[in-house]
């Protein structure tokens, strides 16, 4: 078996499989946003804008999530991947 045979034997995932995986991610993301308030998308964009005043980041480096623990408690979780300096 040559080195070239090793690389030829690996199959790329089909486009249908890739599309299915992407759709599953989108559906999971939409389920998470179902119970969020109407102002949440605008609040997320404003938080990103404030962070950008100090650090150059893209939208995919910021994750904002709102969790309802019970009727009286909501938790806003913010994860930011900061670039290395």
N, C-alpha and C. Protein backbone atom coordinates (compact mmCIF):
# COMPACT_ATOMS: atom_id res chain seq x y z
N UNK A 1 0.85 -1.18 0.00
CA UNK A 1 0.00 0.00 0.00
C UNK A 1 0.89 1.23 0.00
N UNK A 2 0.70 2.09 -0.96
CA UNK A 2 1.49 3.31 -1.05
C UNK A 2 0.83 4.43 -0.27
N UNK A 3 1.53 5.49 -0.12
CA UNK A 3 1.02 6.64 0.60
C UNK A 3 -0.17 7.26 -0.13
N UNK A 4 -0.14 7.23 -1.45
CA UNK A 4 -1.25 7.78 -2.22
C UNK A 4 -2.54 6.97 -2.03
N UNK A 5 -2.42 5.66 -1.87
CA UNK A 5 -3.60 4.83 -1.64
C UNK A 5 -4.27 5.18 -0.32
N UNK A 6 -3.49 5.57 0.65
CA UNK A 6 -4.05 5.94 1.95
C UNK A 6 -4.96 7.16 1.81
N UNK A 7 -4.52 8.15 1.04
CA UNK A 7 -5.32 9.36 0.87
C UNK A 7 -6.52 9.14 -0.03
N UNK A 8 -6.43 8.24 -0.99
CA UNK A 8 -7.54 7.96 -1.89
C UNK A 8 -8.65 7.20 -1.18
N UNK A 9 -8.30 6.43 -0.17
CA UNK A 9 -9.31 5.61 0.48
C UNK A 9 -10.25 6.40 1.38
N UNK A 10 -9.85 7.59 1.78
CA UNK A 10 -10.73 8.42 2.61
C UNK A 10 -11.80 9.03 1.73
N UNK A 11 -13.05 8.82 2.13
CA UNK A 11 -14.16 9.37 1.36
C UNK A 11 -14.62 10.67 2.00
N UNK A 12 -14.99 11.60 1.17
CA UNK A 12 -15.58 12.84 1.65
C UNK A 12 -17.02 12.56 2.04
N UNK A 13 -17.50 13.22 3.08
CA UNK A 13 -18.91 13.03 3.41
C UNK A 13 -19.78 13.59 2.28
N UNK A 14 -20.88 12.92 2.03
CA UNK A 14 -21.74 13.37 0.93
C UNK A 14 -22.40 14.70 1.28
N UNK A 15 -22.84 15.41 0.27
CA UNK A 15 -23.48 16.70 0.51
C UNK A 15 -24.77 16.52 1.29
N UNK A 16 -25.44 15.41 1.11
CA UNK A 16 -26.68 15.17 1.86
C UNK A 16 -26.39 15.04 3.35
N UNK A 17 -25.31 14.35 3.69
CA UNK A 17 -24.93 14.19 5.10
C UNK A 17 -24.55 15.54 5.69
N UNK A 18 -23.78 16.31 4.95
CA UNK A 18 -23.38 17.64 5.42
C UNK A 18 -24.59 18.54 5.61
N UNK A 19 -25.53 18.50 4.66
CA UNK A 19 -26.74 19.31 4.76
C UNK A 19 -27.57 18.90 5.97
N UNK A 20 -27.67 17.61 6.22
CA UNK A 20 -28.42 17.12 7.38
C UNK A 20 -27.80 17.62 8.68
N UNK A 21 -26.47 17.56 8.78
CA UNK A 21 -25.79 18.03 9.99
C UNK A 21 -26.00 19.52 10.19
N UNK A 22 -25.92 20.28 9.13
CA UNK A 22 -26.14 21.73 9.22
C UNK A 22 -27.57 22.03 9.65
N UNK A 23 -28.52 21.31 9.10
CA UNK A 23 -29.92 21.51 9.45
C UNK A 23 -30.15 21.18 10.92
N UNK A 24 -29.52 20.13 11.43
CA UNK A 24 -29.66 19.78 12.84
C UNK A 24 -29.13 20.89 13.74
N UNK A 25 -28.04 21.52 13.33
CA UNK A 25 -27.48 22.63 14.10
C UNK A 25 -28.43 23.81 14.09
N UNK A 26 -28.99 24.12 12.94
CA UNK A 26 -29.93 25.25 12.83
C UNK A 26 -31.17 25.00 13.66
N UNK A 27 -31.72 23.79 13.60
CA UNK A 27 -32.92 23.46 14.37
C UNK A 27 -32.64 23.56 15.86
N UNK A 28 -31.50 23.05 16.31
CA UNK A 28 -31.14 23.14 17.73
C UNK A 28 -31.00 24.59 18.16
N UNK A 29 -30.42 25.41 17.30
CA UNK A 29 -30.25 26.84 17.61
C UNK A 29 -31.60 27.52 17.70
N UNK A 30 -32.52 27.22 16.77
CA UNK A 30 -33.85 27.81 16.77
C UNK A 30 -34.65 27.39 18.00
N UNK A 31 -34.51 26.13 18.41
CA UNK A 31 -35.21 25.66 19.62
C UNK A 31 -34.75 26.43 20.85
N UNK A 32 -33.48 26.73 20.88
CA UNK A 32 -32.94 27.49 22.02
C UNK A 32 -33.44 28.91 22.07
N UNK A 33 -33.81 29.48 20.92
CA UNK A 33 -34.27 30.86 20.86
C UNK A 33 -35.79 30.99 20.93
N UNK A 34 -36.49 29.89 20.99
CA UNK A 34 -37.95 29.91 20.97
C UNK A 34 -38.55 30.70 22.12
N UNK A 35 -37.99 30.55 23.30
CA UNK A 35 -38.55 31.18 24.50
C UNK A 35 -37.87 32.49 24.87
N UNK A 36 -37.07 33.04 23.99
CA UNK A 36 -36.37 34.28 24.31
C UNK A 36 -37.29 35.47 24.05
N UNK A 37 -37.07 36.56 24.79
CA UNK A 37 -37.88 37.76 24.59
C UNK A 37 -37.61 38.41 23.23
N UNK A 38 -38.53 39.27 22.80
CA UNK A 38 -38.42 39.93 21.49
C UNK A 38 -37.21 40.85 21.39
N UNK A 39 -36.79 41.41 22.50
CA UNK A 39 -35.67 42.35 22.49
C UNK A 39 -34.31 41.66 22.47
N UNK A 40 -34.28 40.36 22.61
CA UNK A 40 -33.02 39.63 22.75
C UNK A 40 -32.07 39.80 21.56
N UNK A 41 -32.52 39.66 20.29
CA UNK A 41 -31.57 39.83 19.16
C UNK A 41 -30.94 41.22 19.13
N UNK A 42 -31.74 42.26 19.42
CA UNK A 42 -31.18 43.62 19.43
C UNK A 42 -30.19 43.79 20.58
N UNK A 43 -30.50 43.22 21.74
CA UNK A 43 -29.60 43.31 22.87
C UNK A 43 -28.27 42.62 22.56
N UNK A 44 -28.35 41.47 21.89
CA UNK A 44 -27.14 40.75 21.51
C UNK A 44 -26.26 41.60 20.60
N UNK A 45 -26.87 42.25 19.60
CA UNK A 45 -26.10 43.10 18.68
C UNK A 45 -25.49 44.30 19.41
N UNK A 46 -26.20 44.85 20.36
CA UNK A 46 -25.65 45.99 21.12
C UNK A 46 -24.48 45.56 22.00
N UNK A 47 -24.58 44.38 22.59
CA UNK A 47 -23.46 43.86 23.39
C UNK A 47 -22.23 43.65 22.51
N UNK A 48 -22.43 43.09 21.33
CA UNK A 48 -21.32 42.89 20.39
C UNK A 48 -20.71 44.23 19.99
N UNK A 49 -21.55 45.24 19.77
CA UNK A 49 -21.06 46.57 19.39
C UNK A 49 -20.20 47.18 20.49
N UNK A 50 -20.59 46.99 21.74
CA UNK A 50 -19.81 47.52 22.86
C UNK A 50 -18.46 46.81 22.94
N UNK A 51 -18.45 45.51 22.79
CA UNK A 51 -17.19 44.75 22.83
C UNK A 51 -16.27 45.19 21.70
N UNK A 52 -16.85 45.47 20.53
CA UNK A 52 -16.04 45.90 19.37
C UNK A 52 -15.39 47.26 19.58
N UNK A 53 -15.88 48.05 20.50
CA UNK A 53 -15.23 49.34 20.78
C UNK A 53 -13.83 49.12 21.34
N UNK A 54 -13.61 47.98 21.97
CA UNK A 54 -12.35 47.71 22.65
C UNK A 54 -11.51 46.61 21.99
N UNK A 55 -12.18 45.63 21.36
CA UNK A 55 -11.48 44.49 20.79
C UNK A 55 -12.09 44.17 19.43
N UNK A 56 -11.26 43.98 18.39
CA UNK A 56 -11.82 43.59 17.09
C UNK A 56 -12.26 42.12 17.11
N UNK A 57 -13.56 41.89 16.98
CA UNK A 57 -14.12 40.53 16.98
C UNK A 57 -15.16 40.42 15.89
N UNK A 58 -15.46 39.18 15.51
CA UNK A 58 -16.54 38.93 14.56
C UNK A 58 -17.73 38.35 15.31
N UNK A 59 -18.88 38.30 14.65
CA UNK A 59 -20.10 37.81 15.28
C UNK A 59 -19.98 36.37 15.76
N UNK A 60 -19.22 35.56 15.03
CA UNK A 60 -19.11 34.14 15.41
C UNK A 60 -18.22 33.92 16.62
N UNK A 61 -17.55 34.96 17.11
CA UNK A 61 -16.72 34.83 18.29
C UNK A 61 -17.50 35.13 19.57
N UNK A 62 -18.78 35.49 19.42
CA UNK A 62 -19.60 35.84 20.57
C UNK A 62 -20.82 34.93 20.61
N UNK A 63 -21.05 34.37 21.77
CA UNK A 63 -22.22 33.53 21.99
C UNK A 63 -23.00 34.11 23.17
N UNK A 64 -24.26 34.45 22.93
CA UNK A 64 -25.12 34.99 23.98
C UNK A 64 -26.31 34.06 24.10
N UNK A 65 -26.59 33.66 25.34
CA UNK A 65 -27.68 32.72 25.57
C UNK A 65 -28.45 33.15 26.80
N UNK A 66 -29.77 33.03 26.74
CA UNK A 66 -30.64 33.36 27.86
C UNK A 66 -31.27 32.08 28.36
N UNK A 67 -31.04 31.76 29.64
CA UNK A 67 -31.60 30.55 30.25
C UNK A 67 -32.62 30.94 31.31
N UNK A 68 -33.77 30.31 31.28
CA UNK A 68 -34.81 30.50 32.28
C UNK A 68 -34.70 29.36 33.28
N UNK A 69 -34.20 29.62 34.48
CA UNK A 69 -34.07 28.57 35.48
C UNK A 69 -35.39 28.29 36.17
N UNK A 70 -36.13 29.31 36.50
CA UNK A 70 -37.48 29.15 37.04
C UNK A 70 -38.27 30.42 36.70
N UNK A 71 -39.43 30.57 37.27
CA UNK A 71 -40.31 31.67 36.90
C UNK A 71 -39.72 33.04 37.21
N UNK A 72 -38.89 33.14 38.24
CA UNK A 72 -38.37 34.43 38.68
C UNK A 72 -36.90 34.67 38.36
N UNK A 73 -36.24 33.70 37.72
CA UNK A 73 -34.81 33.83 37.51
C UNK A 73 -34.43 33.55 36.06
N UNK A 74 -33.78 34.52 35.44
CA UNK A 74 -33.24 34.35 34.09
C UNK A 74 -31.74 34.60 34.16
N UNK A 75 -30.99 33.80 33.42
CA UNK A 75 -29.53 33.93 33.42
C UNK A 75 -29.09 34.26 31.99
N UNK A 76 -28.37 35.36 31.86
CA UNK A 76 -27.81 35.75 30.57
C UNK A 76 -26.36 35.28 30.55
N UNK A 77 -26.04 34.37 29.62
CA UNK A 77 -24.70 33.82 29.51
C UNK A 77 -24.03 34.41 28.28
N UNK A 78 -22.85 34.96 28.47
CA UNK A 78 -22.10 35.61 27.39
C UNK A 78 -20.72 34.97 27.31
N UNK A 79 -20.40 34.39 26.15
CA UNK A 79 -19.08 33.81 25.92
C UNK A 79 -18.43 34.54 24.76
N UNK A 80 -17.24 35.07 24.99
CA UNK A 80 -16.52 35.83 23.96
C UNK A 80 -15.15 35.19 23.78
N UNK A 81 -14.83 34.82 22.55
CA UNK A 81 -13.49 34.33 22.22
C UNK A 81 -12.66 35.52 21.80
N UNK A 82 -11.74 35.92 22.66
CA UNK A 82 -10.91 37.10 22.38
C UNK A 82 -9.69 36.69 21.57
N UNK A 83 -9.28 37.57 20.66
CA UNK A 83 -8.08 37.25 19.85
C UNK A 83 -6.82 37.33 20.71
N UNK A 84 -5.82 36.59 20.31
CA UNK A 84 -4.53 36.65 21.00
C UNK A 84 -3.86 37.96 20.67
N UNK A 85 -3.18 38.50 21.65
CA UNK A 85 -2.49 39.79 21.42
C UNK A 85 -1.04 39.55 21.19
